């Protein structure tokens, strides 16, 4: 004879299998939070060190043009510093120290109505150098992205 449950007492169903996906999601969330914290620590250290670093910039203009206008902009801390200078003779050179995370800028040399040729160069203390040249009346040489 086989053993069967009496007709009035049904056999209870087996317990449902344990779900693992909530634990997997929790582990992924914890790992993402740890990675974000580590990335934030590294980035904040880089920003802090770059923000306090002094950068030396040298501007140079050469050429045969007699009527030249220089326009430059450089970030100093959190402010944009701009300047404009009219020259009657070349060569010309200028230097500037700037501090802050955004230390780059632009340097534009425009030739006047008399024409001629110009070349600009910007050198940053870490060796970054940008150059450009132009010739003719109202031509423009642009050194930027330093």
N, C-alpha and C. Protein backbone atom coordinates (compact mmCIF):
# COMPACT_ATOMS: atom_id res chain seq x y z
N UNK A 1 0.79 -1.14 0.00
CA UNK A 1 0.00 0.00 0.00
C UNK A 1 0.86 1.24 0.00
N UNK A 2 0.43 2.16 -0.68
CA UNK A 2 1.20 3.39 -0.72
C UNK A 2 0.61 4.37 0.27
N UNK A 3 1.51 5.22 0.72
CA UNK A 3 1.04 6.21 1.68
C UNK A 3 0.59 7.44 0.94
N UNK A 4 -0.59 7.80 1.19
CA UNK A 4 -1.16 9.00 0.60
C UNK A 4 -1.76 9.82 1.72
N UNK A 5 -1.87 11.09 1.43
CA UNK A 5 -2.47 11.96 2.43
C UNK A 5 -3.96 11.69 2.46
N UNK A 6 -4.54 11.80 3.63
CA UNK A 6 -5.98 11.60 3.69
C UNK A 6 -6.70 12.60 2.81
N UNK A 7 -7.82 12.29 2.31
CA UNK A 7 -8.51 13.16 1.37
C UNK A 7 -8.79 14.55 1.91
N UNK A 8 -8.88 14.82 3.11
CA UNK A 8 -9.20 16.15 3.62
C UNK A 8 -7.95 16.98 3.91
N UNK A 9 -6.75 16.41 3.89
CA UNK A 9 -5.52 17.13 4.22
C UNK A 9 -4.62 17.20 3.00
N UNK A 10 -4.64 18.31 2.27
CA UNK A 10 -3.78 18.40 1.10
C UNK A 10 -2.33 18.58 1.52
N UNK A 11 -1.43 18.15 0.68
CA UNK A 11 0.01 18.29 0.94
C UNK A 11 0.38 19.75 0.71
N UNK A 12 1.09 20.38 1.68
CA UNK A 12 1.45 21.79 1.49
C UNK A 12 2.46 21.93 0.35
N UNK A 13 2.36 23.03 -0.41
CA UNK A 13 3.29 23.21 -1.53
C UNK A 13 4.69 23.49 -0.98
N UNK A 14 5.72 23.15 -1.78
CA UNK A 14 7.08 23.43 -1.30
C UNK A 14 7.29 24.94 -1.21
N UNK A 15 8.20 25.41 -0.33
CA UNK A 15 8.42 26.85 -0.19
C UNK A 15 9.01 27.42 -1.48
N UNK A 16 8.68 28.68 -1.81
CA UNK A 16 9.19 29.27 -3.05
C UNK A 16 10.72 29.44 -2.96
N UNK A 17 11.40 29.32 -4.10
CA UNK A 17 12.85 29.49 -4.06
C UNK A 17 13.20 30.93 -3.66
N UNK A 18 14.33 31.08 -2.98
CA UNK A 18 14.77 32.41 -2.55
C UNK A 18 15.17 33.23 -3.77
N UNK A 19 14.75 34.47 -3.77
CA UNK A 19 15.09 35.36 -4.87
C UNK A 19 16.43 36.00 -4.59
N UNK A 20 17.32 35.93 -5.57
CA UNK A 20 18.67 36.48 -5.42
C UNK A 20 18.79 37.87 -6.03
N UNK A 21 17.90 38.26 -6.93
CA UNK A 21 18.08 39.52 -7.64
C UNK A 21 18.08 40.74 -6.73
N UNK A 22 17.33 40.78 -5.60
CA UNK A 22 17.45 41.98 -4.74
C UNK A 22 18.86 42.12 -4.17
N UNK A 23 19.48 40.99 -3.83
CA UNK A 23 20.84 41.04 -3.28
C UNK A 23 21.85 41.45 -4.34
N UNK A 24 21.64 40.98 -5.56
CA UNK A 24 22.54 41.36 -6.65
C UNK A 24 22.42 42.86 -6.92
N UNK A 25 21.20 43.39 -6.95
CA UNK A 25 21.01 44.83 -7.15
C UNK A 25 21.63 45.64 -6.02
N UNK A 26 21.50 45.16 -4.80
CA UNK A 26 22.10 45.85 -3.66
C UNK A 26 23.62 45.89 -3.78
N UNK A 27 24.24 44.80 -4.18
CA UNK A 27 25.69 44.75 -4.34
C UNK A 27 26.15 45.69 -5.46
N UNK A 28 25.41 45.73 -6.56
CA UNK A 28 25.76 46.63 -7.66
C UNK A 28 25.66 48.08 -7.20
N UNK A 29 24.61 48.42 -6.44
CA UNK A 29 24.46 49.79 -5.94
C UNK A 29 25.60 50.17 -5.00
N UNK A 30 25.99 49.25 -4.13
CA UNK A 30 27.10 49.52 -3.20
C UNK A 30 28.40 49.71 -3.97
N UNK A 31 28.67 48.88 -4.97
CA UNK A 31 29.90 49.01 -5.75
C UNK A 31 29.92 50.33 -6.54
N UNK A 32 28.78 50.71 -7.11
CA UNK A 32 28.71 51.99 -7.82
C UNK A 32 28.94 53.17 -6.88
N UNK A 33 28.39 53.10 -5.68
CA UNK A 33 28.59 54.18 -4.71
C UNK A 33 30.06 54.28 -4.30
N UNK A 34 30.70 53.15 -4.10
CA UNK A 34 32.13 53.16 -3.74
C UNK A 34 32.99 53.71 -4.89
N UNK A 35 32.67 53.32 -6.12
CA UNK A 35 33.42 53.83 -7.27
C UNK A 35 33.22 55.33 -7.44
N UNK A 36 32.00 55.82 -7.25
CA UNK A 36 31.73 57.25 -7.37
C UNK A 36 32.47 58.03 -6.28
N UNK A 37 32.51 57.50 -5.09
CA UNK A 37 33.26 58.16 -4.00
C UNK A 37 34.74 58.23 -4.30
N UNK A 38 35.31 57.16 -4.81
CA UNK A 38 36.73 57.16 -5.16
C UNK A 38 37.03 58.14 -6.29
N UNK A 39 36.17 58.17 -7.30
CA UNK A 39 36.37 59.11 -8.41
C UNK A 39 36.27 60.55 -7.92
N UNK A 40 35.32 60.84 -7.06
CA UNK A 40 35.17 62.19 -6.52
C UNK A 40 36.41 62.60 -5.72
N UNK A 41 36.96 61.70 -4.94
CA UNK A 41 38.16 62.01 -4.16
C UNK A 41 39.34 62.35 -5.07
N UNK A 42 39.53 61.58 -6.12
CA UNK A 42 40.62 61.83 -7.05
C UNK A 42 40.42 63.15 -7.79
N UNK A 43 39.21 63.39 -8.30
CA UNK A 43 38.94 64.62 -9.04
C UNK A 43 39.06 65.86 -8.16
N UNK A 44 38.59 65.80 -6.95
CA UNK A 44 38.70 66.97 -6.07
C UNK A 44 40.14 67.29 -5.75
N UNK A 45 40.99 66.28 -5.64
CA UNK A 45 42.42 66.52 -5.41
C UNK A 45 43.07 67.17 -6.63
N UNK A 46 42.72 66.71 -7.82
CA UNK A 46 43.26 67.30 -9.05
C UNK A 46 42.80 68.75 -9.20
N UNK A 47 41.53 69.01 -8.95
CA UNK A 47 41.00 70.38 -9.07
C UNK A 47 41.68 71.29 -8.06
N UNK A 48 41.86 70.82 -6.84
CA UNK A 48 42.51 71.63 -5.81
C UNK A 48 43.95 71.97 -6.19
N UNK A 49 44.69 70.99 -6.69
CA UNK A 49 46.09 71.25 -7.05
C UNK A 49 46.20 72.13 -8.28
N UNK A 50 45.31 71.96 -9.28
CA UNK A 50 45.34 72.80 -10.47
C UNK A 50 44.90 74.23 -10.15
N UNK A 51 43.99 74.38 -9.23
CA UNK A 51 43.50 75.70 -8.88
C UNK A 51 44.53 76.56 -8.19
N UNK A 52 45.51 75.96 -7.56
CA UNK A 52 46.53 76.73 -6.86
C UNK A 52 47.85 76.82 -7.62
N UNK A 53 47.93 76.19 -8.77
CA UNK A 53 49.17 76.18 -9.55
C UNK A 53 49.30 77.47 -10.34
N UNK A 54 50.50 78.06 -10.32
CA UNK A 54 50.79 79.26 -11.11
C UNK A 54 51.34 78.84 -12.47
N UNK A 55 50.81 79.47 -13.53
CA UNK A 55 51.23 79.16 -14.89
C UNK A 55 51.86 80.41 -15.49
N UNK A 56 53.02 80.25 -16.10
CA UNK A 56 53.72 81.36 -16.75
C UNK A 56 53.44 81.29 -18.26
N UNK A 57 52.93 82.40 -18.82
CA UNK A 57 52.59 82.45 -20.24
C UNK A 57 53.44 83.53 -20.91
N UNK A 58 54.02 83.19 -22.06
CA UNK A 58 54.81 84.15 -22.84
C UNK A 58 54.15 84.31 -24.20
N UNK A 59 53.87 85.57 -24.56
CA UNK A 59 53.29 85.92 -25.85
C UNK A 59 54.39 86.52 -26.72
N UNK A 60 54.42 86.18 -28.01
CA UNK A 60 55.40 86.74 -28.94
C UNK A 60 54.72 87.05 -30.27
N UNK A 61 55.12 88.17 -30.88
CA UNK A 61 54.64 88.54 -32.20
C UNK A 61 55.84 88.98 -33.02
N UNK A 62 55.97 88.43 -34.22
CA UNK A 62 57.02 88.82 -35.15
C UNK A 62 56.41 89.07 -36.51
N UNK A 63 57.16 89.73 -37.38
CA UNK A 63 56.69 89.95 -38.74
C UNK A 63 57.08 91.31 -39.25
N UNK A 64 56.56 91.64 -40.45
CA UNK A 64 56.91 92.89 -41.10
C UNK A 64 55.81 93.93 -41.04
N UNK A 65 54.65 93.59 -40.50
CA UNK A 65 53.52 94.53 -40.45
C UNK A 65 53.85 95.71 -39.55
N UNK A 66 53.37 96.89 -39.91
CA UNK A 66 53.64 98.10 -39.15
C UNK A 66 52.44 98.55 -38.32
N UNK A 67 51.29 98.05 -38.61
CA UNK A 67 50.07 98.44 -37.93
C UNK A 67 49.39 97.16 -37.42
N UNK A 68 49.61 96.83 -36.15
CA UNK A 68 49.15 95.55 -35.60
C UNK A 68 48.36 95.81 -34.31
N UNK A 69 47.28 95.07 -34.12
CA UNK A 69 46.51 95.14 -32.88
C UNK A 69 46.51 93.75 -32.24
N UNK A 70 46.91 93.70 -30.96
CA UNK A 70 46.92 92.45 -30.19
C UNK A 70 45.70 92.44 -29.28
N UNK A 71 45.02 91.34 -29.25
CA UNK A 71 43.91 91.15 -28.33
C UNK A 71 44.12 89.81 -27.64
N UNK A 72 44.06 89.82 -26.31
CA UNK A 72 44.31 88.57 -25.58
C UNK A 72 43.33 88.43 -24.43
N UNK A 73 43.05 87.20 -24.07
CA UNK A 73 42.23 86.90 -22.90
C UNK A 73 42.86 85.72 -22.18
N UNK A 74 42.85 85.82 -20.87
CA UNK A 74 43.42 84.77 -20.03
C UNK A 74 42.57 84.64 -18.78
N UNK A 75 42.35 83.42 -18.32
CA UNK A 75 41.63 83.20 -17.07
C UNK A 75 42.58 83.45 -15.91
N UNK A 76 42.15 84.24 -14.96
CA UNK A 76 42.89 84.48 -13.72
C UNK A 76 41.95 84.11 -12.58
N UNK A 77 42.20 82.96 -11.98
CA UNK A 77 41.29 82.47 -10.96
C UNK A 77 39.97 82.15 -11.61
N UNK A 78 38.93 82.84 -11.19
CA UNK A 78 37.60 82.61 -11.76
C UNK A 78 37.16 83.76 -12.66
N UNK A 79 38.08 84.69 -12.96
CA UNK A 79 37.71 85.84 -13.77
C UNK A 79 38.48 85.83 -15.09
N UNK A 80 37.82 86.33 -16.12
CA UNK A 80 38.44 86.43 -17.44
C UNK A 80 39.10 87.80 -17.55
N UNK A 81 40.39 87.80 -17.82
CA UNK A 81 41.15 89.03 -17.99
C UNK A 81 41.37 89.24 -19.48
N UNK A 82 41.04 90.43 -19.99
CA UNK A 82 41.24 90.71 -21.41
C UNK A 82 42.09 91.97 -21.56
N UNK A 83 42.74 92.08 -22.70
CA UNK A 83 43.54 93.25 -22.99
C UNK A 83 43.65 93.48 -24.47
N UNK A 84 43.99 94.73 -24.83
CA UNK A 84 44.14 95.10 -26.23
C UNK A 84 45.30 96.07 -26.31
N UNK A 85 46.14 95.89 -27.32
CA UNK A 85 47.34 96.70 -27.46
C UNK A 85 47.58 96.96 -28.94
N UNK A 86 47.81 98.23 -29.30
CA UNK A 86 48.12 98.59 -30.67
C UNK A 86 49.63 98.78 -30.79
N UNK A 87 50.24 98.16 -31.81
CA UNK A 87 51.69 98.24 -32.01
C UNK A 87 51.98 98.89 -33.36
N UNK A 88 53.05 99.64 -33.41
CA UNK A 88 53.49 100.25 -34.66
C UNK A 88 54.75 99.58 -35.21
N UNK A 89 55.39 98.74 -34.40
CA UNK A 89 56.61 98.06 -34.85
C UNK A 89 56.68 96.68 -34.20
N UNK A 90 57.28 95.76 -34.89
CA UNK A 90 57.49 94.39 -34.40
C UNK A 90 58.98 94.11 -34.37
N UNK A 91 59.46 93.23 -33.59
CA UNK A 91 58.81 92.20 -32.77
C UNK A 91 58.33 92.76 -31.43
N UNK A 92 57.47 91.97 -30.80
CA UNK A 92 56.93 92.31 -29.49
C UNK A 92 56.84 91.03 -28.68
N UNK A 93 57.05 91.14 -27.37
CA UNK A 93 56.90 89.98 -26.47
C UNK A 93 56.34 90.48 -25.14
N UNK A 94 55.54 89.67 -24.53
CA UNK A 94 54.97 89.97 -23.22
C UNK A 94 54.82 88.70 -22.42
N UNK A 95 54.87 88.84 -21.09
CA UNK A 95 54.75 87.68 -20.20
C UNK A 95 53.71 87.95 -19.13
N UNK A 96 53.15 86.87 -18.62
CA UNK A 96 52.10 86.99 -17.64
C UNK A 96 52.05 85.72 -16.81
N UNK A 97 51.82 85.87 -15.51
CA UNK A 97 51.60 84.73 -14.63
C UNK A 97 50.13 84.69 -14.28
N UNK A 98 49.54 83.53 -14.36
CA UNK A 98 48.13 83.37 -14.05
C UNK A 98 47.98 82.18 -13.11
N UNK A 99 46.91 82.20 -12.37
CA UNK A 99 46.67 81.15 -11.39
C UNK A 99 45.22 80.73 -11.50
N UNK A 100 44.97 79.48 -11.37
CA UNK A 100 43.59 79.01 -11.39
C UNK A 100 43.43 77.82 -12.29
N UNK A 101 42.29 77.15 -12.11
CA UNK A 101 42.02 75.92 -12.85
C UNK A 101 41.95 76.18 -14.35
N UNK A 102 41.28 77.26 -14.74
CA UNK A 102 41.16 77.59 -16.15
C UNK A 102 42.24 78.61 -16.49
N UNK A 103 43.40 78.18 -16.91
CA UNK A 103 44.50 79.10 -17.15
C UNK A 103 44.70 79.40 -18.63
N UNK A 104 43.95 78.80 -19.50
CA UNK A 104 44.11 79.02 -20.93
C UNK A 104 43.46 80.31 -21.37
N UNK A 105 43.58 80.61 -22.62
CA UNK A 105 42.98 81.81 -23.16
C UNK A 105 43.20 81.88 -24.66
N UNK A 106 43.09 83.08 -25.21
CA UNK A 106 43.32 83.25 -26.63
C UNK A 106 44.18 84.49 -26.85
N UNK A 107 44.89 84.49 -27.97
CA UNK A 107 45.78 85.58 -28.35
C UNK A 107 45.58 85.80 -29.84
N UNK A 108 45.07 86.97 -30.20
CA UNK A 108 44.73 87.27 -31.59
C UNK A 108 45.56 88.46 -32.04
N UNK A 109 46.22 88.31 -33.19
CA UNK A 109 47.02 89.38 -33.78
C UNK A 109 46.38 89.77 -35.10
N UNK A 110 45.98 91.04 -35.22
CA UNK A 110 45.31 91.52 -36.44
C UNK A 110 46.19 92.54 -37.15
N UNK A 111 46.34 92.35 -38.44
CA UNK A 111 47.11 93.27 -39.26
C UNK A 111 46.18 94.39 -39.72
N UNK A 112 46.69 95.59 -39.75
CA UNK A 112 45.89 96.75 -40.13
C UNK A 112 45.80 96.92 -41.64
N UNK A 113 45.35 98.10 -42.05
CA UNK A 113 45.13 98.43 -43.45
C UNK A 113 46.42 98.37 -44.27
N UNK A 114 47.56 98.65 -43.66
CA UNK A 114 48.84 98.66 -44.38
C UNK A 114 49.33 97.29 -44.81
N UNK A 115 48.78 96.24 -44.28
CA UNK A 115 49.17 94.88 -44.66
C UNK A 115 50.50 94.47 -44.04
N UNK A 116 51.06 93.42 -44.56
CA UNK A 116 52.29 92.84 -44.03
C UNK A 116 52.02 91.44 -43.52
N UNK A 117 53.03 90.86 -42.90
CA UNK A 117 52.85 89.53 -42.35
C UNK A 117 53.15 89.55 -40.86
N UNK A 118 52.47 88.65 -40.12
CA UNK A 118 52.66 88.52 -38.68
C UNK A 118 52.66 87.04 -38.31
N UNK A 119 53.34 86.74 -37.23
CA UNK A 119 53.31 85.40 -36.63
C UNK A 119 53.14 85.58 -35.13
N UNK A 120 52.28 84.77 -34.54
CA UNK A 120 52.11 84.81 -33.09
C UNK A 120 52.55 83.47 -32.52
N UNK A 121 53.01 83.53 -31.29
CA UNK A 121 53.39 82.32 -30.56
C UNK A 121 53.04 82.52 -29.09
N UNK A 122 52.49 81.48 -28.48
CA UNK A 122 52.19 81.49 -27.06
C UNK A 122 52.86 80.26 -26.47
N UNK A 123 53.66 80.48 -25.44
CA UNK A 123 54.35 79.39 -24.76
C UNK A 123 53.90 79.35 -23.31
N UNK A 124 53.52 78.19 -22.84
CA UNK A 124 53.12 77.99 -21.45
C UNK A 124 54.24 77.21 -20.77
N UNK A 125 54.44 77.45 -19.48
CA UNK A 125 55.60 76.88 -18.79
C UNK A 125 55.71 75.37 -18.88
N UNK A 126 54.63 74.67 -19.11
CA UNK A 126 54.73 73.21 -19.22
C UNK A 126 55.14 72.77 -20.63
N UNK A 127 55.47 73.72 -21.50
CA UNK A 127 55.96 73.38 -22.82
C UNK A 127 54.91 73.50 -23.91
N UNK A 128 53.64 73.77 -23.55
CA UNK A 128 52.61 73.93 -24.54
C UNK A 128 52.91 75.16 -25.39
N UNK A 129 52.92 75.00 -26.69
CA UNK A 129 53.22 76.11 -27.59
C UNK A 129 52.20 76.12 -28.71
N UNK A 130 51.62 77.29 -28.94
CA UNK A 130 50.67 77.48 -30.03
C UNK A 130 51.23 78.55 -30.95
N UNK A 131 51.15 78.32 -32.25
CA UNK A 131 51.65 79.30 -33.22
C UNK A 131 50.65 79.44 -34.36
N UNK A 132 50.71 80.61 -35.00
CA UNK A 132 49.90 80.86 -36.18
C UNK A 132 50.53 82.03 -36.92
N UNK A 133 50.20 82.18 -38.18
CA UNK A 133 50.71 83.32 -38.95
C UNK A 133 49.66 83.74 -39.96
N UNK A 134 49.79 84.99 -40.42
CA UNK A 134 48.86 85.53 -41.40
C UNK A 134 49.57 86.63 -42.17
N UNK A 135 49.08 86.93 -43.36
CA UNK A 135 49.66 88.02 -44.14
C UNK A 135 48.58 88.70 -44.96
N UNK A 136 48.79 89.99 -45.19
CA UNK A 136 47.84 90.77 -45.97
C UNK A 136 47.12 91.78 -45.12
N UNK A 137 46.44 92.70 -45.77
CA UNK A 137 45.67 93.71 -45.06
C UNK A 137 44.51 93.06 -44.31
N UNK A 138 44.34 93.44 -43.07
CA UNK A 138 43.26 92.97 -42.20
C UNK A 138 43.30 91.46 -41.93
N UNK A 139 44.46 90.84 -42.11
CA UNK A 139 44.60 89.40 -41.81
C UNK A 139 44.70 89.20 -40.30
N UNK A 140 44.39 88.00 -39.84
CA UNK A 140 44.40 87.69 -38.41
C UNK A 140 45.10 86.37 -38.15
N UNK A 141 46.02 86.39 -37.19
CA UNK A 141 46.66 85.17 -36.70
C UNK A 141 46.11 84.91 -35.30
N UNK A 142 45.72 83.67 -35.03
CA UNK A 142 45.10 83.33 -33.74
C UNK A 142 45.85 82.20 -33.08
N UNK A 143 46.30 82.44 -31.86
CA UNK A 143 46.94 81.40 -31.04
C UNK A 143 46.02 81.21 -29.84
N UNK A 144 45.33 80.08 -29.78
CA UNK A 144 44.46 79.83 -28.64
C UNK A 144 44.50 78.36 -28.26
N UNK A 145 43.78 78.03 -27.21
CA UNK A 145 43.73 76.65 -26.75
C UNK A 145 44.93 76.24 -25.94
N UNK A 146 45.58 77.17 -25.30
CA UNK A 146 46.75 76.85 -24.47
C UNK A 146 46.37 76.73 -23.02
